[in-house]
Amino acid sequence: MQITDLNFKHLRYFWATAKEGSITRAADRLDMSVQTVSGQIALLEQHLGRALFTQQGRGLVLTEAGRVALGYADQIFLLGAQLQEALAEDTLGHTLRFSVGISDALPKTLIYRLLSPALQLAQRMRLVCNEGEFDSLLADLALHRLDMVLADRPATHGTQLRLHSDAVANCPVMIFGTAALAAGYMNGFPDSLHRAPMLMPTRNNALHARLEHWFAANDIRPDIIGEFEDSALLATFGRQGLGLFPLPAFSKEDMAQQLDVACVGQLPGMAAPIYAIHSDRRILHPAVEAIRTSQVS
C-alpha cells in the first residue's frame, strides 16, 4: 500500500471509534450515522489489509494491528492540531522557531551562554529546548525535529546521518565543592587532589576520558566516590558535600554563585570542547548559523 492511498477521513472515523469504544458513540461524536462510520472503517481495513477491531461480547476491542494504527493516529491528529494552532498565531510571520537538543552531559549553567548568539538576532524568536541522550537527540536532528544539538562530542563520521559538527566553545575545566570541603584542597592545588574524594561523569561522557588522561599525566589519583551520567545530578550530589566535582565553566565566579559552591581551582592545560551539531542543509537556520560562527568564551 502506498502512503497516498490512505484516506485520512477514514482514519479519523477509526480514531474516534477507538477513543469512544463503540461505533454508536463515535457516530454521535462525529454527528454521522452509525452505518456511515461503520462503512468508512470497513474501507480503511480493506485498504490496510488488516482487521482493526474484533467483536468481544457486545463491544469492540482493538486488534494488535488496531493498537498499532491507533498509536500512529494519535500522533497524526496531535500534529494536525498543533499545525492549526501554530498557523493561527498572530505573530507567525514575525517569529522564528528554534528547537535545540541539549545533551544531558552538558552542565545546564553553560547553555544560556552557548545560545546567546542566537538570542541576539533581530528577529523575534521562540526557543524550544529539549534535553536528552546524545544518540536520541541525533536521531531527532536527522528527522528534522530539532534544528541543532549541543553536545560534549561531535557526531561520528561513520554514521549514515548527514550531520556537521562545529566546535563552538572550549571550556576550562574547574573543580568545585562545598565551601567546607573545597577549603581543604585549595592549598597545593592541583597536587592536593591526590586521594581527594571525587565525583566523576560516567564513561559515556566525553569529559571522563579527558579527566582520566589528565590525572594519569599528572600522577594524581583521586578517590572516586561516585559516577553520574547527568551533569546536573553530579552537581546535586556535589552540593551535598559527598565529594569534589569537575565541571566545564566559562567563569568560576558565575558557576560557584549559581551552584552555591566554591571553586577549588582550574585544571591547568585541561579544556572541554562543546559542539553545535546540525544537519546537512543548503540553507541553514539563522540561529544555527549565528551559533556556529561565534566562538563563545
Protein backbone atom coordinates (compact mmCIF):
# COMPACT_ATOMS: atom_id res chain seq x y z
CA MET A 1 0.00 0.00 0.00
CA GLN A 2 1.27 3.47 -0.89
CA ILE A 3 1.02 6.21 1.76
CA THR A 4 -1.01 8.28 -0.75
CA ASP A 5 -3.73 5.60 -0.63
CA LEU A 6 -4.52 6.42 2.99
CA ASN A 7 -7.79 8.26 3.40
CA PHE A 8 -7.45 10.44 6.50
CA LYS A 9 -11.21 10.81 6.84
CA HIS A 10 -11.44 7.03 7.20
CA LEU A 11 -8.59 7.18 9.71
CA ARG A 12 -10.41 9.81 11.75
CA TYR A 13 -13.55 7.64 11.93
CA PHE A 14 -11.42 4.74 13.16
CA TRP A 15 -9.66 7.02 15.67
CA ALA A 16 -12.95 8.36 17.04
CA THR A 17 -14.36 4.83 17.38
CA ALA A 18 -11.23 3.62 19.18
CA LYS A 19 -11.40 6.56 21.57
CA GLU A 20 -15.13 6.25 22.24
CA GLY A 21 -15.12 2.45 22.49
CA SER A 22 -18.10 1.95 20.19
CA ILE A 23 -19.29 2.91 16.72
CA THR A 24 -22.54 4.32 18.14
CA ARG A 25 -20.76 6.79 20.44
CA ALA A 26 -18.29 7.67 17.68
CA ALA A 27 -21.18 8.37 15.30
CA ASP A 28 -22.77 10.69 17.87
CA ARG A 29 -19.45 12.49 18.35
CA LEU A 30 -18.96 12.88 14.59
CA ASP A 31 -22.64 13.72 14.00
CA MET A 32 -22.90 10.96 11.43
CA SER A 33 -24.91 7.78 11.05
CA VAL A 34 -23.69 4.50 12.50
CA GLN A 35 -23.84 2.93 9.03
CA THR A 36 -21.57 5.64 7.57
CA VAL A 37 -18.94 5.31 10.29
CA SER A 38 -19.01 1.52 10.12
CA GLY A 39 -18.70 1.58 6.34
CA GLN A 40 -15.77 4.01 6.38
CA ILE A 41 -13.88 1.87 8.92
CA ALA A 42 -14.51 -1.18 6.74
CA LEU A 43 -12.97 0.67 3.78
CA LEU A 44 -9.92 1.58 5.89
CA GLU A 45 -9.48 -2.05 6.93
CA GLN A 46 -9.78 -3.06 3.28
CA HIS A 47 -7.04 -0.58 2.28
CA LEU A 48 -4.77 -1.70 5.12
CA GLY A 49 -5.46 -5.38 4.63
CA ARG A 50 -5.88 -5.79 8.39
CA ALA A 51 -8.80 -6.02 10.80
CA LEU A 52 -8.57 -3.13 13.27
CA PHE A 53 -11.39 -4.21 15.58
CA THR A 54 -12.76 -7.51 16.80
CA GLN A 55 -16.09 -8.19 18.46
CA GLN A 56 -15.99 -9.05 22.16
CA GLY A 57 -19.40 -9.58 23.67
CA ARG A 58 -21.47 -6.55 22.70
CA GLY A 59 -18.46 -4.28 22.34
CA LEU A 60 -15.47 -3.76 20.10
CA VAL A 61 -11.83 -4.20 21.07
CA LEU A 62 -8.74 -3.29 19.11
CA THR A 63 -6.72 -5.98 17.40
CA GLU A 64 -2.91 -5.81 17.55
CA ALA A 65 -2.99 -4.03 14.16
CA GLY A 66 -5.61 -1.69 15.59
CA ARG A 67 -3.40 -0.80 18.55
CA VAL A 68 -0.52 0.00 16.19
CA ALA A 69 -2.81 2.09 13.97
CA LEU A 70 -4.18 3.96 16.99
CA GLY A 71 -0.67 4.92 18.11
CA TYR A 72 0.05 6.47 14.71
CA ALA A 73 -3.39 8.09 14.53
CA ASP A 74 -2.81 9.74 17.91
CA GLN A 75 0.41 11.28 16.57
CA ILE A 76 -1.13 12.31 13.24
CA PHE A 77 -4.09 14.13 14.77
CA LEU A 78 -1.96 15.68 17.53
CA LEU A 79 0.34 17.10 14.87
CA GLY A 80 -2.69 18.29 12.93
CA ALA A 81 -3.97 20.17 15.97
CA GLN A 82 -0.52 21.66 16.59
CA LEU A 83 -0.31 22.72 12.94
CA GLN A 84 -3.61 24.59 13.16
CA GLU A 85 -2.56 26.20 16.43
CA ALA A 86 0.80 27.29 15.02
CA LEU A 87 -0.68 28.74 11.83
CA ALA A 88 -3.33 30.62 13.82
CA GLU A 89 -0.75 32.67 15.74
CA ASP A 90 -0.84 36.40 15.03
CA THR A 91 2.96 36.57 15.29
CA LEU A 92 3.57 33.73 12.81
CA GLY A 93 5.18 35.90 10.16
CA HIS A 94 7.45 37.58 12.70
CA THR A 95 8.54 34.66 14.89
CA LEU A 96 11.41 32.26 14.21
CA ARG A 97 11.09 28.88 15.94
CA PHE A 98 14.41 27.42 17.10
CA SER A 99 14.40 23.87 18.51
CA VAL A 100 17.59 22.83 20.28
CA GLY A 101 18.56 19.46 21.70
CA ILE A 102 20.84 19.63 24.74
CA SER A 103 22.92 16.62 25.73
CA ASP A 104 22.39 15.64 29.36
CA ALA A 105 26.19 15.53 29.69
CA LEU A 106 26.45 19.32 29.43
CA PRO A 107 26.18 21.47 32.57
CA LYS A 108 22.93 23.40 32.30
CA THR A 109 24.65 26.50 33.64
CA LEU A 110 26.52 26.83 30.30
CA ILE A 111 23.54 26.66 27.98
CA TYR A 112 22.44 30.30 28.06
CA ARG A 113 25.95 31.48 27.18
CA LEU A 114 26.15 28.96 24.32
CA LEU A 115 22.80 30.05 22.88
CA SER A 116 23.34 33.77 23.39
CA PRO A 117 24.49 34.48 19.77
CA ALA A 118 21.12 33.20 18.51
CA LEU A 119 19.18 35.12 21.15
CA GLN A 120 20.78 38.35 19.94
CA LEU A 121 19.30 38.06 16.45
CA ALA A 122 16.99 40.91 15.48
CA GLN A 123 14.10 38.61 14.52
CA ARG A 124 11.65 37.58 17.23
CA MET A 125 12.36 34.01 18.29
CA ARG A 126 10.60 31.19 20.08
CA LEU A 127 13.26 28.99 21.68
CA VAL A 128 12.40 25.34 22.41
CA CYS A 129 14.97 23.38 24.44
CA ASN A 130 14.86 19.58 24.69
CA GLU A 131 17.24 17.64 26.94
CA GLY A 132 18.15 14.03 26.28
CA GLU A 133 20.71 11.38 25.50
CA PHE A 134 23.19 12.05 22.72
CA ASP A 135 22.09 9.32 20.29
CA SER A 136 18.38 10.08 20.71
CA LEU A 137 18.97 13.77 20.05
CA LEU A 138 20.93 12.99 16.87
CA ALA A 139 18.07 10.80 15.66
CA ASP A 140 15.62 13.66 16.22
CA LEU A 141 18.01 16.02 14.43
CA ALA A 142 18.20 13.69 11.43
CA LEU A 143 14.38 13.61 11.31
CA HIS A 144 14.34 17.45 11.41
CA ARG A 145 12.55 17.52 14.75
CA LEU A 146 15.46 19.62 16.02
CA ASP A 147 17.39 22.43 14.36
CA MET A 148 20.58 21.84 16.32
CA VAL A 149 22.12 19.72 19.08
CA LEU A 150 24.61 20.96 21.68
CA ALA A 151 26.86 18.18 22.94
CA ASP A 152 30.21 17.35 24.51
CA ARG A 153 31.31 15.39 21.43
CA PRO A 154 30.96 15.63 17.63
CA ALA A 155 28.71 13.41 15.57
CA THR A 156 30.51 10.27 14.42
CA HIS A 157 31.72 10.48 10.84
CA GLY A 158 30.93 6.83 10.19
CA THR A 159 27.20 7.32 10.69
CA GLN A 160 24.79 7.44 7.74
CA LEU A 161 23.23 10.58 9.19
CA ARG A 162 24.39 13.62 7.23
CA LEU A 163 25.40 15.81 10.15
CA HIS A 164 28.02 18.50 10.67
CA SER A 165 29.75 19.34 13.98
CA ASP A 166 31.29 22.70 14.83
CA ALA A 167 33.30 23.34 17.99
CA VAL A 168 31.65 26.47 19.37
CA ALA A 169 33.39 26.67 22.75
CA ASN A 170 36.43 25.33 24.57
CA CYS A 171 35.63 25.50 28.27
CA PRO A 172 38.22 25.39 31.04
CA VAL A 173 37.57 22.54 33.47
CA MET A 174 37.34 23.51 37.13
CA ILE A 175 36.99 21.60 40.38
CA PHE A 176 34.15 22.62 42.71
CA GLY A 177 32.87 21.55 46.09
CA THR A 178 31.09 22.83 49.15
CA ALA A 179 32.93 25.68 50.85
CA ALA A 180 33.94 23.46 53.78
CA LEU A 181 35.21 20.64 51.55
CA ALA A 182 36.90 22.88 48.98
CA ALA A 183 38.85 24.77 51.63
CA GLY A 184 40.85 21.67 52.48
CA TYR A 185 42.15 21.24 48.92
CA MET A 186 42.92 24.78 47.75
CA ASN A 187 46.48 24.80 49.11
CA GLY A 188 48.84 22.92 46.82
CA PHE A 189 46.25 22.61 44.04
CA PRO A 190 46.19 20.59 41.81
CA ASP A 191 48.52 18.12 43.61
CA SER A 192 46.15 18.33 46.57
CA LEU A 193 43.60 16.35 44.53
CA HIS A 194 45.60 13.16 45.09
CA ARG A 195 43.36 10.89 47.23
CA ALA A 196 40.69 13.64 47.35
CA PRO A 197 37.06 12.41 47.29
CA MET A 198 35.89 12.97 43.72
CA LEU A 199 32.60 12.69 41.85
CA MET A 200 33.07 11.92 38.16
CA PRO A 201 30.97 11.82 34.99
CA THR A 202 30.41 8.30 33.65
CA ARG A 203 32.37 6.90 30.73
CA ASN A 204 29.51 7.87 28.41
CA ASN A 205 30.57 11.48 28.98
CA ALA A 206 33.50 12.65 26.82
CA LEU A 207 34.86 14.57 29.82
CA HIS A 208 35.52 11.31 31.69
CA ALA A 209 38.31 10.18 29.32
CA ARG A 210 39.90 13.64 29.32
CA LEU A 211 39.94 13.72 33.12
CA GLU A 212 41.40 10.23 33.38
CA HIS A 213 44.16 11.19 30.95
CA TRP A 214 44.89 14.42 32.84
CA PHE A 215 45.02 12.70 36.23
CA ALA A 216 47.34 9.97 34.87
CA ALA A 217 49.63 12.51 33.18
CA ASN A 218 49.95 14.46 36.43
CA ASP A 219 50.30 11.34 38.64
CA ILE A 220 47.19 12.25 40.61
CA ARG A 221 44.82 9.51 41.76
CA PRO A 222 41.66 10.89 43.34
CA ASP A 223 39.33 8.68 45.37
CA ILE A 224 36.34 8.19 43.06
CA ILE A 225 33.23 8.25 45.26
CA GLY A 226 30.60 8.12 42.51
CA GLU A 227 29.94 8.46 38.78
CA PHE A 228 26.95 10.25 37.23
CA GLU A 229 25.70 10.30 33.65
CA ASP A 230 23.72 13.51 34.11
CA SER A 231 25.80 16.59 34.91
CA ALA A 232 23.00 18.18 36.94
CA LEU A 233 22.79 15.08 39.15
CA LEU A 234 26.57 15.11 39.60
CA ALA A 235 26.43 18.74 40.75
CA THR A 236 23.49 17.98 43.07
CA PHE A 237 25.47 15.31 44.92
CA GLY A 238 28.50 17.59 44.96
CA ARG A 239 26.47 20.36 46.59
CA GLN A 240 25.65 17.94 49.41
CA GLY A 241 29.35 17.56 50.23
CA LEU A 242 29.76 13.98 49.01
CA GLY A 243 32.91 14.92 47.12
CA LEU A 244 34.63 17.43 44.87
CA PHE A 245 33.39 17.50 41.29
CA PRO A 246 34.69 18.72 37.90
CA LEU A 247 32.66 20.91 35.55
CA PRO A 248 33.43 22.89 32.42
CA ALA A 249 32.87 26.57 33.22
CA PHE A 250 33.29 29.89 31.43
CA SER A 251 33.63 31.71 34.75
CA LYS A 252 34.42 30.15 38.12
CA GLU A 253 32.65 33.03 39.89
CA ASP A 254 29.42 32.58 37.90
CA MET A 255 29.41 28.81 38.30
CA ALA A 256 30.19 28.98 42.02
CA GLN A 257 27.43 31.54 42.57
CA GLN A 258 24.83 29.64 40.54
CA LEU A 259 25.53 26.34 42.32
CA ASP A 260 26.29 27.85 45.74
CA VAL A 261 29.65 26.10 45.92
CA ALA A 262 33.32 27.09 45.99
CA CYS A 263 35.89 26.68 43.24
CA VAL A 264 38.99 24.75 44.30
CA GLY A 265 40.83 25.67 41.12
CA GLN A 266 41.12 25.33 37.35
CA LEU A 267 42.89 22.25 35.99
CA PRO A 268 45.90 23.59 34.08
CA GLY A 269 46.03 22.61 30.42
CA MET A 270 42.60 20.99 30.60
CA ALA A 271 39.65 22.03 28.42
CA ALA A 272 36.32 20.58 27.32
CA PRO A 273 35.14 21.35 23.78
CA ILE A 274 31.44 21.84 23.12
CA TYR A 275 29.94 21.14 19.71
CA ALA A 276 26.99 22.51 17.79
CA ILE A 277 25.70 19.71 15.54
CA HIS A 278 23.36 20.45 12.65
CA SER A 279 22.01 18.58 9.65
CA ASP A 280 23.36 18.95 6.13
CA ARG A 281 21.17 21.66 4.64
CA ARG A 282 21.94 24.15 1.91
CA ILE A 283 20.09 26.86 3.80
CA LEU A 284 20.97 26.91 7.50
CA HIS A 285 18.61 28.11 10.21
CA PRO A 286 19.74 31.69 11.05
CA ALA A 287 20.14 30.80 14.73
CA VAL A 288 22.34 27.81 13.89
CA GLU A 289 24.49 30.00 11.64
CA ALA A 290 24.85 32.60 14.41
CA ILE A 291 26.00 29.99 16.95
CA ARG A 292 28.37 28.03 14.70
CA THR A 293 30.19 31.19 13.58
CA SER A 294 30.54 32.61 17.11
CA GLN A 295 33.24 31.33 19.45
CA VAL A 296 31.70 31.58 22.90
CA SER A 297 34.07 32.36 25.75
